[in-house]
N, C-alpha and C. Protein backbone atom coordinates (compact mmCIF):
# COMPACT_ATOMS: atom_id res chain seq x y z
N MET A 1 -26.07 -25.98 12.96
CA MET A 1 -25.21 -25.54 11.91
C MET A 1 -24.01 -26.47 11.87
N ALA A 2 -23.88 -27.12 10.79
CA ALA A 2 -22.93 -28.20 10.66
C ALA A 2 -21.48 -27.74 10.76
N GLY A 3 -21.16 -26.53 10.30
CA GLY A 3 -19.77 -26.08 10.28
C GLY A 3 -19.28 -25.53 11.60
N MET A 4 -20.13 -25.51 12.61
CA MET A 4 -19.74 -24.92 13.87
C MET A 4 -18.75 -25.82 14.60
N LYS A 5 -17.68 -25.22 15.12
CA LYS A 5 -16.63 -25.97 15.79
C LYS A 5 -16.36 -25.33 17.15
N THR A 6 -15.70 -26.07 18.00
CA THR A 6 -15.30 -25.53 19.29
C THR A 6 -14.14 -24.57 19.08
N ALA A 7 -14.18 -23.45 19.78
CA ALA A 7 -13.12 -22.45 19.66
C ALA A 7 -11.82 -23.03 20.18
N PRO A 8 -10.72 -22.74 19.50
CA PRO A 8 -9.43 -23.26 19.97
C PRO A 8 -9.05 -22.62 21.30
N LYS A 9 -8.40 -23.39 22.15
CA LYS A 9 -8.00 -22.92 23.47
C LYS A 9 -6.63 -22.24 23.44
N THR A 10 -6.02 -22.11 22.26
CA THR A 10 -4.69 -21.54 22.15
C THR A 10 -4.71 -20.02 22.02
N ARG A 11 -5.88 -19.41 22.09
CA ARG A 11 -6.01 -17.96 21.96
C ARG A 11 -5.38 -17.27 23.18
N PRO A 12 -4.61 -16.21 22.95
CA PRO A 12 -4.03 -15.48 24.08
C PRO A 12 -5.12 -14.88 24.97
N GLY A 13 -4.83 -14.66 26.22
CA GLY A 13 -5.79 -14.16 27.19
C GLY A 13 -6.29 -12.76 26.89
N ASN A 14 -5.53 -11.97 26.12
CA ASN A 14 -5.95 -10.60 25.83
C ASN A 14 -6.78 -10.49 24.55
N VAL A 15 -7.14 -11.62 23.92
CA VAL A 15 -7.94 -11.62 22.70
C VAL A 15 -9.37 -12.00 23.06
N THR A 16 -10.31 -11.17 22.61
CA THR A 16 -11.72 -11.42 22.86
C THR A 16 -12.39 -11.80 21.55
N SER A 17 -13.25 -12.80 21.59
CA SER A 17 -13.93 -13.22 20.36
C SER A 17 -14.96 -12.17 19.97
N PHE A 18 -15.23 -12.08 18.67
CA PHE A 18 -16.19 -11.13 18.15
C PHE A 18 -17.60 -11.60 18.51
N ILE A 19 -18.41 -10.73 19.08
CA ILE A 19 -19.77 -11.04 19.47
C ILE A 19 -20.73 -10.29 18.55
N LEU A 20 -21.63 -11.00 17.88
CA LEU A 20 -22.59 -10.41 16.98
C LEU A 20 -23.83 -9.99 17.74
N GLU A 21 -24.15 -8.72 17.69
CA GLU A 21 -25.33 -8.14 18.34
C GLU A 21 -25.43 -8.51 19.82
N GLY A 22 -24.31 -8.62 20.48
CA GLY A 22 -24.30 -8.87 21.92
C GLY A 22 -24.70 -10.27 22.34
N SER A 23 -24.96 -11.16 21.39
CA SER A 23 -25.46 -12.48 21.75
C SER A 23 -24.67 -13.65 21.16
N TRP A 24 -24.14 -13.47 19.98
CA TRP A 24 -23.60 -14.60 19.25
C TRP A 24 -22.08 -14.54 19.12
N PRO A 25 -21.35 -15.35 19.89
CA PRO A 25 -19.90 -15.41 19.70
C PRO A 25 -19.61 -16.14 18.38
N LEU A 26 -18.89 -15.49 17.50
CA LEU A 26 -18.67 -16.05 16.17
C LEU A 26 -17.35 -16.80 16.03
N ASP A 27 -16.62 -16.97 17.11
CA ASP A 27 -15.35 -17.67 17.01
C ASP A 27 -15.52 -19.17 16.77
N GLY A 28 -16.73 -19.71 16.94
CA GLY A 28 -16.98 -21.12 16.69
C GLY A 28 -17.33 -21.44 15.25
N PHE A 29 -17.53 -20.41 14.41
CA PHE A 29 -17.87 -20.62 13.02
C PHE A 29 -16.61 -20.58 12.16
N ASP A 30 -16.53 -21.48 11.20
CA ASP A 30 -15.41 -21.40 10.28
C ASP A 30 -15.77 -20.42 9.15
N GLN A 31 -14.79 -20.07 8.34
CA GLN A 31 -14.97 -19.06 7.28
C GLN A 31 -16.06 -19.48 6.30
N ARG A 32 -16.09 -20.75 5.95
CA ARG A 32 -17.10 -21.26 5.00
C ARG A 32 -18.51 -21.05 5.54
N GLU A 33 -18.71 -21.36 6.81
CA GLU A 33 -20.05 -21.22 7.40
C GLU A 33 -20.45 -19.75 7.51
N LEU A 34 -19.50 -18.88 7.83
CA LEU A 34 -19.81 -17.45 7.89
C LEU A 34 -20.19 -16.90 6.52
N ARG A 35 -19.50 -17.35 5.47
CA ARG A 35 -19.87 -16.93 4.11
C ARG A 35 -21.27 -17.43 3.75
N ARG A 36 -21.57 -18.63 4.15
CA ARG A 36 -22.90 -19.20 3.89
C ARG A 36 -23.98 -18.41 4.60
N LEU A 37 -23.75 -18.08 5.87
CA LEU A 37 -24.70 -17.26 6.62
C LEU A 37 -24.87 -15.89 5.96
N SER A 38 -23.77 -15.31 5.50
CA SER A 38 -23.81 -14.01 4.85
C SER A 38 -24.63 -14.04 3.56
N LYS A 39 -24.44 -15.10 2.76
CA LYS A 39 -25.21 -15.24 1.52
C LYS A 39 -26.70 -15.35 1.80
N ILE A 40 -27.05 -16.16 2.79
CA ILE A 40 -28.47 -16.33 3.15
C ILE A 40 -29.04 -15.00 3.62
N ALA A 41 -28.28 -14.29 4.44
CA ALA A 41 -28.74 -13.00 4.97
C ALA A 41 -28.95 -12.00 3.83
N LYS A 42 -28.00 -11.92 2.90
CA LYS A 42 -28.14 -10.99 1.77
C LYS A 42 -29.32 -11.36 0.89
N ARG A 43 -29.50 -12.64 0.64
CA ARG A 43 -30.60 -13.10 -0.20
C ARG A 43 -31.96 -12.74 0.42
N ASN A 44 -32.05 -12.85 1.75
CA ASN A 44 -33.31 -12.57 2.45
C ASN A 44 -33.44 -11.12 2.88
N GLY A 45 -32.39 -10.33 2.68
CA GLY A 45 -32.43 -8.92 3.05
C GLY A 45 -32.46 -8.69 4.55
N VAL A 46 -31.78 -9.57 5.30
CA VAL A 46 -31.73 -9.46 6.76
C VAL A 46 -30.28 -9.56 7.22
N GLY A 47 -30.07 -9.40 8.51
CA GLY A 47 -28.74 -9.53 9.07
C GLY A 47 -28.40 -10.97 9.39
N ILE A 48 -27.12 -11.24 9.62
CA ILE A 48 -26.67 -12.59 9.96
C ILE A 48 -27.33 -13.06 11.26
N ALA A 49 -27.47 -12.18 12.23
CA ALA A 49 -28.10 -12.56 13.50
C ALA A 49 -29.53 -13.03 13.27
N ASP A 50 -30.24 -12.40 12.33
CA ASP A 50 -31.61 -12.83 12.02
C ASP A 50 -31.63 -14.23 11.43
N VAL A 51 -30.64 -14.54 10.62
CA VAL A 51 -30.54 -15.89 10.04
C VAL A 51 -30.30 -16.90 11.15
N ILE A 52 -29.43 -16.57 12.10
CA ILE A 52 -29.14 -17.47 13.21
C ILE A 52 -30.40 -17.66 14.07
N TYR A 53 -31.08 -16.56 14.40
CA TYR A 53 -32.32 -16.65 15.18
C TYR A 53 -33.34 -17.54 14.46
N GLU A 54 -33.50 -17.34 13.16
CA GLU A 54 -34.48 -18.12 12.40
C GLU A 54 -34.12 -19.60 12.40
N ALA A 55 -32.84 -19.90 12.27
CA ALA A 55 -32.40 -21.30 12.29
C ALA A 55 -32.69 -21.94 13.64
N ILE A 56 -32.44 -21.20 14.71
CA ILE A 56 -32.71 -21.73 16.05
C ILE A 56 -34.20 -21.93 16.26
N GLU A 57 -35.00 -20.95 15.84
CA GLU A 57 -36.46 -21.08 15.98
C GLU A 57 -36.98 -22.27 15.20
N SER A 58 -36.45 -22.48 14.01
CA SER A 58 -36.86 -23.61 13.18
C SER A 58 -36.48 -24.93 13.85
N PHE A 59 -35.28 -24.99 14.41
CA PHE A 59 -34.81 -26.20 15.08
C PHE A 59 -35.68 -26.51 16.30
N VAL A 60 -35.98 -25.48 17.10
CA VAL A 60 -36.82 -25.67 18.29
C VAL A 60 -38.21 -26.14 17.89
N ALA A 61 -38.79 -25.53 16.85
CA ALA A 61 -40.12 -25.93 16.38
C ALA A 61 -40.12 -27.39 15.93
N LYS A 62 -39.06 -27.81 15.25
CA LYS A 62 -38.96 -29.19 14.79
C LYS A 62 -38.88 -30.14 15.98
N CYS A 63 -38.09 -29.79 16.99
CA CYS A 63 -37.97 -30.62 18.19
C CYS A 63 -39.31 -30.72 18.92
N GLU A 64 -40.01 -29.59 19.03
CA GLU A 64 -41.32 -29.60 19.69
C GLU A 64 -42.32 -30.44 18.92
N ALA A 65 -42.30 -30.36 17.59
CA ALA A 65 -43.22 -31.14 16.77
C ALA A 65 -42.95 -32.63 16.93
N GLU A 66 -41.68 -33.00 16.97
CA GLU A 66 -41.34 -34.41 17.15
C GLU A 66 -41.75 -34.91 18.53
N ALA A 67 -41.62 -34.07 19.55
CA ALA A 67 -42.05 -34.45 20.90
C ALA A 67 -43.57 -34.60 20.96
N ASP A 68 -44.30 -33.71 20.29
CA ASP A 68 -45.76 -33.79 20.26
C ASP A 68 -46.23 -35.02 19.49
N LEU A 69 -45.48 -35.43 18.50
CA LEU A 69 -45.86 -36.58 17.69
C LEU A 69 -45.95 -37.84 18.54
N GLU A 70 -45.04 -37.99 19.47
CA GLU A 70 -45.04 -39.16 20.36
C GLU A 70 -46.35 -39.27 21.13
N GLU A 71 -46.91 -38.12 21.53
CA GLU A 71 -48.17 -38.12 22.27
C GLU A 71 -49.35 -38.46 21.37
N LYS A 72 -49.23 -38.25 20.07
CA LYS A 72 -50.33 -38.46 19.14
C LYS A 72 -50.37 -39.88 18.57
N VAL A 73 -49.35 -40.65 18.80
CA VAL A 73 -49.29 -42.00 18.25
C VAL A 73 -50.24 -42.89 19.05
N ILE A 74 -51.08 -43.62 18.35
CA ILE A 74 -52.00 -44.54 19.00
C ILE A 74 -51.28 -45.87 19.18
N LYS A 75 -51.19 -46.30 20.41
CA LYS A 75 -50.50 -47.56 20.71
C LYS A 75 -51.56 -48.64 20.90
N PHE A 76 -51.51 -49.64 20.04
CA PHE A 76 -52.45 -50.75 20.12
C PHE A 76 -51.89 -51.82 21.06
N PRO A 77 -52.75 -52.51 21.74
CA PRO A 77 -52.27 -53.57 22.63
C PRO A 77 -51.60 -54.69 21.84
N THR A 78 -50.66 -55.34 22.44
CA THR A 78 -49.94 -56.41 21.76
C THR A 78 -50.81 -57.63 21.54
N VAL A 79 -51.92 -57.73 22.25
CA VAL A 79 -52.85 -58.86 22.07
C VAL A 79 -53.35 -58.89 20.63
N ALA A 80 -53.64 -57.75 20.04
CA ALA A 80 -54.11 -57.70 18.66
C ALA A 80 -53.08 -58.26 17.71
N ASN A 81 -51.82 -58.05 17.98
CA ASN A 81 -50.76 -58.57 17.11
C ASN A 81 -50.70 -60.10 17.20
N ARG A 82 -50.88 -60.65 18.38
CA ARG A 82 -50.86 -62.10 18.52
C ARG A 82 -52.04 -62.73 17.81
N TRP A 83 -53.20 -62.09 17.88
CA TRP A 83 -54.39 -62.60 17.22
C TRP A 83 -54.18 -62.64 15.71
N ARG A 84 -53.57 -61.61 15.17
CA ARG A 84 -53.33 -61.53 13.73
C ARG A 84 -52.38 -62.66 13.29
N SER A 85 -51.34 -62.94 14.10
CA SER A 85 -50.38 -63.99 13.72
C SER A 85 -51.02 -65.37 13.81
N MET A 86 -52.00 -65.56 14.68
CA MET A 86 -52.68 -66.84 14.77
C MET A 86 -53.62 -67.05 13.61
N ASP A 87 -54.09 -65.98 12.98
CA ASP A 87 -55.04 -66.06 11.89
C ASP A 87 -54.41 -66.67 10.64
N HIS A 88 -53.12 -66.52 10.46
CA HIS A 88 -52.45 -67.00 9.23
C HIS A 88 -51.92 -68.34 9.39
């Protein structure tokens, strides 16, 4: 999530950040990003936490797919490339 920022360290010691559903500290989100999450949640008929979970699942799936892609690439020996350059 692009709008996520580090929480400021100037918060007094007696202030606790708001935690969404016991898992998500929301003090790292700016107002614009929270409104965006809220719009997506309302449009999909789900809660903000569900939107966050879905985004994380999507990101993890993308990372796994990219990692699997490396294993599927066929690497040809460099000898074939030299042969091709000698042909021209």
